[in-house]
Structures are given as structure tokens and as C-alpha cells.
Amino acid sequence: MKKYIILLSVFVVIFAGLLITVKVLEGNSPSASNPSVLAGSDSAQSTSSFDSMNGSGVVTELGGESNATDNPEGDSVNQYTIIMNAKLEESDWSLRQAAGLTNEAIAATMEASKGLYGYDNIGIGSQQLYAEILLVMQGHHTRIPLCSTDATQIETVSECVLLDHPEIFYVDGYSYEKYMFAGIVEKIMYTANYTMTVEEASQNEILIQEYVDACMQGLPQGATDYDKVKYVYEFVILNTEYNLNAPENQNICSVFLYRESVCLGYAKAIQYLLQQMDVECCVVTGSVITGEGHAWNLVKINEQYYYVDATWGDASYLSDVGTASALSNINYDYLCITTTDLLKTHVIDNPVKVPNCIMTIDNYYVKEGLYLNSLDSLKIKSIFDVAYDNNMDCISIRCANETVFREVQSDLLDNQKIFSYLRPQTETLAYIYNEDLYTYTFML
């Protein structure tokens, strides 16, 4: 019986700047996984998929110069010199010491922070401030005088602390009191915005650990760093629904406790889990090409950096338009990609610099043998045979460039040769494609 390819319906979804076309070839209306998941904006007046660090401050003009005193502990500990731009009085030093901002604690925190992406790249001049803000947040302290008198520096460092530490899920911003004399800032009193009490945070930590334990139990023994990244990517996606109204959606609680989140929740959950597996991972912030705020991950595999966007790997948001069930719930287009690939749909606006990711050896499609350098019928047949042998519902392939992408379209779709790779009884075909990354996903 001759098979016909009939285009019955086309869904063109422009979502957060990403164009995906979903097609059904002689069959029912399709369901598809779309790599784009972001919605909303970072406006304080709207529900947002990503909120940058929120800070607010007040200014108090002093009636006279402060009675500043030197650090009672001295100005250095071990290899660290304690730098103090603020003019602190004796009572200020007492507040710092009561909150644990001693020379010894600051030096130990700086040492322990080495290897964290934000800390390593924020610049030597900001690393002491990073340690101080981290100690304040960890201790749930309020109105603590910091070493810096630069509100802009405090904003950047606060953001880096939260991006490095997904376990600080109980802070969503900060406020400060700026004390000035004759137009010069004398000191800044810093308070993190705590969304939970110490007791509430402790209870949530127990529930978070239960999620982590369940995740770790499924990790195969001897897993490589690539295996760990892929496993966590799949685990989070399969156990999370995208929901703009998810509670605690800017932190890991949304994923680990409520099983629903937005991009920053996804990214921090990926980061937290990979940190437990000793894989270097950080959160990167920016936007999509249409301007909405967005967050994703940077991971390090075999000493090379790759970008990972689990939010765009989750097709759950498409359930609102009834197109999420027929193809896989996981889209792998954004698992371990290069900077070039990322910048087709994302805009990086991170508080610290990020590397130019150029390697592809641990890209999902390359690693899994689903990458086509040319229109290779034997390789395509092998890909489909393996998929059927493993009872997969769909199969995705990536083409090396636009030329190969168009050749696959012409040969498999326009000329109907796709049916030679499908089971003999197959008479209809549903598929989607991503023109940005040259991928096809076929329903089996």
C-alpha cells in the first residue's frame, strides 16, 4: 500500500523568541516537545519566570563624623588582608563580631568559597565582601555593617552569593541603610530579605534532603560527569511541571518540595543536585531574544564548559495548548551546548563573566550517536533500529549544519524515505523540528 504524507495541521509556536514548527503527516493533531519554556517578564508588577536580585535602600545623613575605630582584631588573618572602606564605630565592630563576621570566620569562608564560579570570577577586591554577605545570610542576621560602602558592588556580590549557593533558598533579596556625612558614604548596614524563619528553613532542608536521596539512589554506579549531568537533567524534568504560579519558584523549594517551578528554580535545582555529585555547575542569568528574563546552567565536563537549559528541555508547559503528550516530555536540544548554539536564542547578562563554550564532544547528540555530519542512510537506519529495539516513543537527531538539515528534509520527508526506517505498518508520521539547532524529532 502506498504511503502518503499529508500535512493536516501545522502549529507554529513562537514562545520566548524560539520558533518551533510542529507537523503531523497524515494523522491526528500532534503533540510535541518544544525546547522553549520561558514566559513572563522580570517586571516587579508581573508574575515572573526569573527575578534578578532585588535590593532597596534608605539614606541617613549623619549630623557629624563618626567616631571610627580600627578593627579590634587587626587587619589581617593568615594570607588575607582585611580591607575596610567603611568607617565603623566600636558598636559596629561589636555587631559584626556578634554576627560571626570575625577575621577568622571571614578568612575561612573565603578559603571555602574557592572553586565556586561566582566567587572565583568576581574579582579579588570583592571576595571579602562576598564572604561577609554569605556569613550574614547563613546566620539570618540583620543590620550588619559591611566592609564596603559601594551599593553597586554590594548588589553584584549579593547576586553572586545567591547564584553560587542554591542552599540559601530562604533569601530573595536585600535591603540596606546607607549612612552619609557631607555627601560621603560612611558605612552601609546590610539586611538580607528572609522569606522563612530559621525553623522553617530547617524543616525544608529535611524535605529537600529526602528529594536528593531519592535522586541519588537512581544514579548508576560508575557514572561519568556527562552521565551525571544527563541523569539530573532528565530527573528534574520528569519530576517537575512548569508553572508560572508555582510557590517558591525562584529557589530549589519549588522543585524539591512542590514539584513545579520556573527557570530559576529549575536551574538552581540542577546546580544543587550536581554539586552533591561533585560536578562543577553554576547558574547563568540573562534573557531570551525577545527580552524576558531567563536563567540556565553552565556545567564542566572533562575540563570543558557547556550550557544546559533544563527549562527549555521540559515540554510540560505545552499542556496548556494540548500539544504536550504525543512526543517525548524531554527535549535534549539544550543539553550540553556551545555558546554559539546558546546565543541563537539566549542573551547572556550575568553578574560575572562566563566562558566561551566551544567543545561538542559531550553534547547530547554527539555523545549519544545521534549527530549527522552528512545524509548517511546507514547511520539513520541504525539510529531508528536502536530506538525500536529500546522501545522508545520517539527519536531525535541533529544535523551538523543547515545543508545537512535541508538534505534530511528533502530525502526523509519530501521524498517520503522516512517510511523505509519506520515499522512496515506505519502509515502516518508526527514530527517536530528546530531550525535554530538543526534537529528533528520523529514519533515512532
Protein backbone atom coordinates (compact mmCIF):
# COMPACT_ATOMS: atom_id res chain seq x y z
CA MET A 1 0.00 0.00 0.00
CA LYS A 2 1.44 3.35 -0.98
CA LYS A 3 2.02 5.70 1.90
CA TYR A 4 1.15 9.37 1.59
CA ILE A 5 2.50 12.21 3.59
CA ILE A 6 -0.34 14.63 4.13
CA LEU A 7 0.15 17.78 6.12
CA LEU A 8 -3.04 18.08 8.12
CA SER A 9 -2.05 20.69 10.69
CA VAL A 10 0.85 22.96 11.43
CA PHE A 11 1.46 24.56 14.80
CA VAL A 12 3.86 27.47 14.71
CA VAL A 13 4.77 28.28 18.28
CA ILE A 14 6.71 31.48 18.89
CA PHE A 15 7.47 31.27 22.57
CA ALA A 16 10.12 33.40 24.26
CA GLY A 17 11.79 34.02 20.95
CA LEU A 18 12.15 30.40 19.81
CA LEU A 19 10.49 29.23 16.60
CA ILE A 20 9.39 25.60 16.57
CA THR A 21 7.16 24.09 13.91
CA VAL A 22 5.14 21.03 14.82
CA LYS A 23 3.75 18.94 11.99
CA VAL A 24 1.60 15.89 11.61
CA LEU A 25 1.90 13.89 8.44
CA GLU A 26 -1.41 12.15 7.70
CA GLY A 27 -2.67 11.64 11.19
CA ASN A 28 -4.23 13.16 14.27
CA SER A 29 -3.31 16.53 15.69
CA PRO A 30 0.23 16.34 17.08
CA SER A 31 1.68 16.64 20.48
CA ALA A 32 5.19 17.87 20.75
CA SER A 33 8.04 18.73 22.98
CA ASN A 34 9.24 22.24 22.48
CA PRO A 35 12.55 23.43 23.89
CA SER A 36 11.13 26.77 24.86
CA VAL A 37 9.54 27.12 28.25
CA LEU A 38 10.02 30.66 29.43
CA ALA A 39 7.23 33.15 29.84
CA GLY A 40 6.55 36.27 31.81
CA SER A 41 8.92 39.15 32.44
CA ASP A 42 11.16 40.35 35.21
CA SER A 43 8.94 43.31 35.96
CA ALA A 44 8.12 43.69 39.63
CA GLN A 45 4.50 44.25 38.61
CA SER A 46 4.05 40.87 36.93
CA THR A 47 4.47 37.20 37.64
CA SER A 48 7.97 36.44 36.53
CA SER A 49 9.90 33.39 35.42
CA PHE A 50 13.09 34.98 36.68
CA ASP A 51 13.61 37.78 39.16
CA SER A 52 17.05 39.30 39.45
CA MET A 53 18.40 40.18 42.86
CA ASN A 54 16.04 42.70 44.47
CA GLY A 55 17.62 45.39 46.62
CA SER A 56 16.35 48.52 48.28
CA GLY A 57 17.98 51.11 50.44
CA VAL A 58 17.48 54.19 52.54
CA VAL A 59 19.92 57.03 53.19
CA THR A 60 20.57 58.69 56.53
CA GLU A 61 22.57 61.90 56.68
CA LEU A 62 24.73 61.95 59.79
CA GLY A 63 24.93 65.08 61.92
CA GLY A 64 28.69 64.76 62.28
CA GLU A 65 31.62 62.49 61.52
CA SER A 66 31.52 59.05 63.09
CA ASN A 67 33.88 58.10 65.87
CA ALA A 68 35.52 55.47 63.69
CA THR A 69 37.86 52.95 65.33
CA ASP A 70 40.22 50.38 63.90
CA ASN A 71 39.38 46.70 63.66
CA PRO A 72 39.97 45.38 67.19
CA GLU A 73 41.21 42.09 65.69
CA GLY A 74 43.80 43.73 63.46
CA ASP A 75 43.77 43.94 59.71
CA SER A 76 44.92 40.51 58.55
CA VAL A 77 44.47 36.81 59.14
CA ASN A 78 46.78 34.28 57.50
CA GLN A 79 47.19 35.23 53.83
CA TYR A 80 44.15 37.52 53.81
CA THR A 81 44.27 41.23 54.46
CA ILE A 82 41.02 42.51 55.92
CA ILE A 83 40.12 45.63 53.94
CA MET A 84 37.66 48.07 55.47
CA ASN A 85 36.38 51.01 53.43
CA ALA A 86 33.62 51.68 55.92
CA LYS A 87 34.21 53.89 58.93
CA LEU A 88 32.99 51.76 61.80
CA GLU A 89 32.49 52.68 65.41
CA GLU A 90 33.05 50.41 68.35
CA SER A 91 29.38 49.40 68.40
CA ASP A 92 29.60 48.44 64.71
CA TRP A 93 32.54 46.13 65.36
CA SER A 94 30.54 44.54 68.17
CA LEU A 95 27.63 43.91 65.80
CA ARG A 96 29.93 42.27 63.27
CA GLN A 97 31.55 40.03 65.85
CA ALA A 98 28.19 39.01 67.34
CA ALA A 99 27.06 38.00 63.83
CA GLY A 100 30.20 35.93 63.29
CA LEU A 101 31.98 38.35 60.95
CA THR A 102 35.31 37.87 62.68
CA ASN A 103 38.62 37.90 60.85
CA GLU A 104 38.95 34.18 61.32
CA ALA A 105 35.45 33.42 60.01
CA ILE A 106 35.88 35.73 57.01
CA ALA A 107 39.22 34.13 56.10
CA ALA A 108 37.78 30.61 56.48
CA THR A 109 34.75 31.50 54.35
CA MET A 110 36.95 32.96 51.62
CA GLU A 111 39.03 29.80 51.59
CA ALA A 112 35.97 27.55 51.48
CA SER A 113 34.46 29.58 48.65
CA LYS A 114 37.31 28.85 46.26
CA GLY A 115 36.04 26.78 43.35
CA LEU A 116 32.61 28.41 43.31
CA TYR A 117 32.13 30.09 39.97
CA GLY A 118 30.85 33.45 41.15
CA TYR A 119 33.44 33.78 43.89
CA ASP A 120 36.32 32.84 41.61
CA ASN A 121 35.31 35.33 38.94
CA ILE A 122 34.03 38.26 40.95
CA GLY A 123 37.46 39.79 41.40
CA ILE A 124 39.85 39.80 44.34
CA GLY A 125 38.59 43.18 45.52
CA SER A 126 35.09 41.80 46.12
CA GLN A 127 35.88 38.42 47.67
CA GLN A 128 35.98 39.62 51.27
CA LEU A 129 32.61 41.32 50.79
CA TYR A 130 31.31 38.04 49.30
CA ALA A 131 32.37 36.20 52.47
CA GLU A 132 30.75 38.80 54.71
CA ILE A 133 27.42 38.71 52.87
CA LEU A 134 27.46 34.91 52.85
CA LEU A 135 28.01 34.84 56.61
CA VAL A 136 25.17 37.30 57.12
CA MET A 137 22.77 35.17 55.05
CA GLN A 138 23.84 31.88 56.60
CA GLY A 139 23.24 33.29 60.07
CA HIS A 140 19.92 35.03 59.27
CA HIS A 141 21.39 38.28 60.58
CA THR A 142 20.02 41.79 60.10
CA ARG A 143 21.52 45.29 60.10
CA ILE A 144 25.15 44.24 59.91
CA PRO A 145 27.78 46.82 58.85
CA LEU A 146 29.78 45.60 55.86
CA CYS A 147 33.31 46.37 54.76
CA SER A 148 32.15 48.09 51.56
CA THR A 149 30.46 51.47 51.11
CA ASP A 150 29.61 50.82 47.45
CA ALA A 151 25.93 49.92 46.99
CA THR A 152 26.51 48.79 43.39
CA GLN A 153 29.27 46.42 44.49
CA ILE A 154 27.00 45.08 47.24
CA GLU A 155 24.26 44.39 44.68
CA THR A 156 26.59 42.47 42.36
CA VAL A 157 28.16 40.47 45.17
CA SER A 158 24.79 39.63 46.71
CA GLU A 159 23.62 38.24 43.38
CA CYS A 160 26.79 36.16 43.04
CA VAL A 161 26.37 34.74 46.55
CA LEU A 162 22.84 33.58 45.78
CA LEU A 163 23.80 32.22 42.36
CA ASP A 164 26.64 30.22 43.95
CA HIS A 165 24.56 28.94 46.87
CA PRO A 166 21.24 27.30 45.93
CA GLU A 167 21.04 26.04 49.51
CA ILE A 168 20.29 29.63 50.59
CA PHE A 169 16.69 29.26 49.47
CA TYR A 170 15.32 31.42 52.26
CA VAL A 171 16.63 34.75 50.88
CA ASP A 172 15.09 36.63 47.96
CA GLY A 173 16.89 39.97 48.11
CA TYR A 174 18.35 42.52 50.47
CA SER A 175 17.93 45.99 51.91
CA TYR A 176 20.47 48.44 53.24
CA GLU A 177 20.82 51.60 55.26
CA LYS A 178 23.40 54.00 53.87
CA TYR A 179 24.90 56.45 56.38
CA MET A 180 26.45 59.58 54.86
CA PHE A 181 28.32 62.62 56.08
CA ALA A 182 28.99 65.61 53.82
CA GLY A 183 27.96 63.58 50.78
CA ILE A 184 30.37 60.72 51.56
CA VAL A 185 29.13 57.24 52.49
CA GLU A 186 30.48 56.33 55.92
CA LYS A 187 29.00 52.85 56.25
CA ILE A 188 26.26 50.55 54.96
CA MET A 189 24.14 48.39 57.27
CA TYR A 190 23.04 45.25 55.40
CA THR A 191 20.00 43.03 55.84
CA ALA A 192 19.08 40.05 53.68
CA ASN A 193 15.37 39.61 52.94
CA TYR A 194 14.47 36.36 54.68
CA THR A 195 11.36 34.57 53.40
CA MET A 196 11.44 31.94 56.17
CA THR A 197 12.34 31.70 59.80
CA VAL A 198 15.34 29.62 60.86
CA GLU A 199 12.96 26.87 62.00
CA GLU A 200 11.03 26.87 58.71
CA ALA A 201 14.23 26.71 56.71
CA SER A 202 15.47 23.78 58.81
CA GLN A 203 12.25 21.86 58.20
CA ASN A 204 12.52 22.46 54.47
CA GLU A 205 16.12 21.27 54.49
CA ILE A 206 14.90 17.89 55.76
CA LEU A 207 12.38 17.62 52.91
CA ILE A 208 14.97 18.75 50.39
CA GLN A 209 17.34 16.01 51.57
CA GLU A 210 14.62 13.41 51.01
CA TYR A 211 14.35 14.52 47.38
CA VAL A 212 18.14 14.48 46.97
CA ASP A 213 18.36 10.98 48.47
CA ALA A 214 15.70 9.70 46.06
CA CYS A 215 17.56 11.22 43.15
CA MET A 216 20.94 9.85 44.22
CA GLN A 217 19.56 6.32 44.57
CA GLY A 218 18.89 6.14 40.83
CA LEU A 219 22.34 7.34 39.77
CA PRO A 220 24.16 4.46 38.05
CA GLN A 221 27.38 3.29 39.65
CA GLY A 222 30.48 4.47 37.85
CA ALA A 223 28.59 7.35 36.21
CA THR A 224 30.82 9.81 34.37
CA ASP A 225 30.32 13.55 34.73
CA TYR A 226 28.39 13.53 31.44
CA ASP A 227 26.20 10.70 32.76
CA LYS A 228 25.52 12.69 35.92
CA VAL A 229 24.55 15.83 34.02
CA LYS A 230 22.23 13.87 31.71
CA TYR A 231 20.72 11.96 34.63
CA VAL A 232 19.99 15.11 36.66
CA TYR A 233 18.62 16.88 33.57
CA GLU A 234 16.16 14.02 32.99
CA PHE A 235 15.32 13.55 36.67
CA VAL A 236 14.42 17.19 37.26
CA ILE A 237 12.41 17.46 34.04
CA LEU A 238 10.44 14.26 34.65
CA ASN A 239 9.65 15.28 38.23
CA THR A 240 8.81 18.95 37.65
CA GLU A 241 5.94 20.78 35.96
CA TYR A 242 6.50 24.24 34.56
CA ASN A 243 4.14 26.66 36.34
CA LEU A 244 4.49 30.43 36.47
CA ASN A 245 2.46 30.46 39.68
CA ALA A 246 4.47 27.79 41.48
CA PRO A 247 5.22 28.61 45.13
CA GLU A 248 8.83 29.49 45.97
CA ASN A 249 9.53 29.47 42.21
CA GLN A 250 12.80 31.41 42.48
CA ASN A 251 14.53 28.74 44.55
CA ILE A 252 15.02 25.00 44.94
CA CYS A 253 11.99 24.50 47.19
CA SER A 254 9.68 24.84 44.21
CA VAL A 255 11.29 21.82 42.52
CA PHE A 256 12.20 19.71 45.54
CA LEU A 257 9.09 20.32 47.68
CA TYR A 258 6.31 21.28 45.28
CA ARG A 259 7.46 19.64 42.02
CA GLU A 260 6.72 22.74 39.93
CA SER A 261 8.76 25.81 39.10
CA VAL A 262 10.08 28.31 36.54
CA CYS A 263 13.51 28.74 35.01
CA LEU A 264 15.45 29.93 38.07
CA GLY A 265 14.00 27.11 40.16
CA TYR A 266 14.98 24.55 37.51
CA ALA A 267 18.49 26.00 37.21
CA LYS A 268 19.13 26.10 40.96
CA ALA A 269 17.80 22.55 41.36
CA ILE A 270 20.14 21.28 38.63
CA GLN A 271 23.02 23.14 40.30
CA TYR A 272 22.23 21.82 43.77
CA LEU A 273 22.00 18.19 42.65
CA LEU A 274 25.16 18.30 40.56
CA GLN A 275 27.03 19.89 43.45
CA GLN A 276 26.10 16.81 45.52
CA MET A 277 27.65 14.70 42.74
CA ASP A 278 30.88 16.74 42.63
CA VAL A 279 30.17 18.16 39.18
CA GLU A 280 31.01 21.84 38.72
CA CYS A 281 27.83 23.71 37.88
CA CYS A 282 26.64 27.29 38.23
CA VAL A 283 23.56 29.34 37.35
CA VAL A 284 23.82 31.80 34.45
CA THR A 285 21.37 34.67 34.08
CA GLY A 286 20.22 36.74 31.13
CA SER A 287 17.20 36.74 28.88
CA VAL A 288 15.76 35.19 25.74
CA ILE A 289 15.98 37.07 22.48
CA THR A 290 12.54 38.60 22.98
CA GLY A 291 13.70 40.20 26.23
CA GLU A 292 12.14 38.11 29.01
CA GLY A 293 14.42 37.28 31.91
CA HIS A 294 15.80 33.76 31.97
CA ALA A 295 18.23 31.52 33.85
CA TRP A 296 20.05 28.32 32.92
CA ASN A 297 23.23 26.41 33.84
CA LEU A 298 26.89 26.21 32.99
CA VAL A 299 28.47 22.79 33.65
CA LYS A 300 32.01 21.49 33.46
CA ILE A 301 32.61 18.06 31.93
CA ASN A 302 36.11 16.71 31.28
CA GLU A 303 37.55 20.18 31.96
CA GLN A 304 35.32 21.77 29.30
CA TYR A 305 32.32 24.03 29.81
CA TYR A 306 28.86 23.50 28.29
CA TYR A 307 25.49 25.20 28.68
CA VAL A 308 22.44 23.30 29.91
CA ASP A 309 18.88 24.62 29.91
CA ALA A 310 16.56 22.16 31.64
CA THR A 311 13.63 24.57 31.47
CA TRP A 312 13.74 24.50 27.69
CA GLY A 313 14.11 20.74 27.92
CA ASP A 314 10.75 20.37 29.68
CA ALA A 315 7.68 20.23 27.44
CA SER A 316 5.18 20.39 30.30
CA TYR A 317 4.17 23.99 29.57
CA LEU A 318 2.68 22.90 26.22
CA SER A 319 -0.13 21.10 28.04
CA ASP A 320 -1.96 24.41 28.09
CA VAL A 321 -2.38 24.20 24.31
CA GLY A 322 -2.91 20.45 24.20
CA THR A 323 0.32 19.59 22.40
CA ALA A 324 2.48 18.02 25.07
CA SER A 325 1.68 14.31 25.15
CA ALA A 326 2.48 12.65 21.86
CA LEU A 327 6.19 13.32 21.67
CA SER A 328 8.75 12.94 24.43
CA ASN A 329 8.41 15.04 27.57
CA ILE A 330 12.16 15.64 27.41
CA ASN A 331 13.78 17.71 24.70
CA TYR A 332 17.56 17.27 24.51
CA ASP A 333 18.38 20.21 22.24
CA TYR A 334 19.75 22.22 25.17
CA LEU A 335 21.76 19.52 26.92
CA CYS A 336 25.46 20.46 26.80
CA ILE A 337 25.56 23.03 24.01
CA THR A 338 28.07 25.61 22.86
CA THR A 339 27.97 29.37 23.26
CA THR A 340 27.26 29.69 19.54
CA ASP A 341 24.21 27.45 19.89
CA LEU A 342 23.02 29.22 23.02
CA LEU A 343 23.23 32.72 21.58
CA LYS A 344 20.78 31.82 18.81
CA THR A 345 18.01 32.04 21.39
CA HIS A 346 19.55 33.39 24.63
CA VAL A 347 21.18 36.63 25.73
CA ILE A 348 23.78 36.42 28.48
CA ASP A 349 23.64 39.11 31.17
CA ASN A 350 25.47 37.52 34.07
CA PRO A 351 26.99 39.39 37.03
CA VAL A 352 30.37 37.80 36.28
CA LYS A 353 31.98 36.74 33.01
CA VAL A 354 31.23 33.34 31.51
CA PRO A 355 33.48 31.26 29.23
CA ASN A 356 33.14 30.79 25.50
CA CYS A 357 31.95 27.18 25.28
CA ILE A 358 33.29 25.71 22.05
CA MET A 359 33.55 21.94 22.58
CA THR A 360 30.94 19.49 21.29
CA ILE A 361 32.36 16.11 22.35
CA ASP A 362 29.94 15.91 25.29
CA ASN A 363 26.97 17.44 23.51
CA TYR A 364 23.97 15.12 23.88
CA TYR A 365 23.56 14.38 20.18
CA VAL A 366 27.26 13.80 19.62
CA LYS A 367 27.67 11.67 22.74
CA GLU A 368 24.61 9.54 22.01
CA GLY A 369 25.48 8.91 18.34
CA LEU A 370 22.56 10.99 17.05
CA TYR A 371 24.61 13.57 15.15
CA LEU A 372 24.67 13.58 11.34
CA ASN A 373 27.65 15.10 9.57
CA SER A 374 26.04 14.14 6.26
CA LEU A 375 22.94 12.45 4.87
CA ASP A 376 24.06 8.97 5.91
CA SER A 377 21.29 6.41 5.28
CA LEU A 378 23.12 3.61 7.10
CA LYS A 379 23.56 5.71 10.22
CA ILE A 380 19.96 6.90 10.07
CA LYS A 381 18.77 3.30 9.80
CA SER A 382 20.94 2.34 12.77
CA ILE A 383 19.51 5.19 14.85
CA PHE A 384 15.94 4.09 14.15
CA ASP A 385 16.74 0.40 14.71
CA VAL A 386 18.27 1.12 18.12
CA ALA A 387 15.28 3.26 19.06
CA TYR A 388 12.85 0.47 18.18
CA ASP A 389 14.99 -2.13 19.99
CA ASN A 390 14.78 0.02 23.12
CA ASN A 391 11.02 0.59 22.77
CA MET A 392 11.42 4.35 22.50
CA ASP A 393 8.40 6.51 21.73
CA CYS A 394 10.34 8.93 19.57
CA ILE A 395 13.82 9.61 18.26
CA SER A 396 15.71 12.88 17.83
CA ILE A 397 18.63 13.59 15.52
CA ARG A 398 20.76 16.66 14.99
CA CYS A 399 22.32 17.77 11.72
CA ALA A 400 25.77 19.33 11.56
CA ASN A 401 24.63 22.38 9.60
CA GLU A 402 21.80 23.83 7.55
CA THR A 403 22.88 21.98 4.40
CA VAL A 404 22.53 18.58 6.06
CA PHE A 405 19.32 19.74 7.73
CA ARG A 406 17.76 20.55 4.35
CA GLU A 407 19.06 17.32 2.81
CA VAL A 408 17.39 15.32 5.57
CA GLN A 409 14.15 17.21 4.99
CA SER A 410 14.28 16.57 1.25
CA ASP A 411 15.22 12.91 1.49
CA LEU A 412 13.24 11.73 4.51
CA LEU A 413 10.18 13.96 4.29
CA ASP A 414 9.74 15.42 0.84
CA ASN A 415 10.71 12.12 -0.82
CA GLN A 416 8.99 10.03 1.90
CA LYS A 417 12.04 7.86 2.58
CA ILE A 418 11.35 8.23 6.29
CA PHE A 419 8.92 5.33 5.93
CA SER A 420 11.76 2.98 5.00
CA TYR A 421 13.17 3.47 8.51
CA LEU A 422 9.83 3.07 10.28
CA ARG A 423 7.98 -0.14 11.04
CA PRO A 424 6.19 -1.52 7.93
CA GLN A 425 2.74 -0.92 9.43
CA THR A 426 3.43 2.80 9.95
CA GLU A 427 1.30 4.93 7.66
CA THR A 428 1.34 8.30 9.44
CA LEU A 429 4.11 10.35 10.95
CA ALA A 430 4.25 13.16 13.52
CA TYR A 431 7.41 15.16 13.91
CA ILE A 432 8.83 18.48 15.06
CA TYR A 433 11.95 20.36 14.08
CA ASN A 434 14.14 23.11 15.47
CA GLU A 435 15.66 25.29 12.75
CA ASP A 436 17.97 27.04 15.22
CA LEU A 437 19.81 23.85 16.21
CA TYR A 438 19.01 21.74 13.12
CA THR A 439 17.19 18.98 14.98
CA TYR A 440 14.30 16.68 14.08
CA THR A 441 12.22 14.62 16.48
CA PHE A 442 10.12 11.81 14.99
CA MET A 443 7.26 9.95 16.63
CA LEU A 444 7.74 6.17 16.50
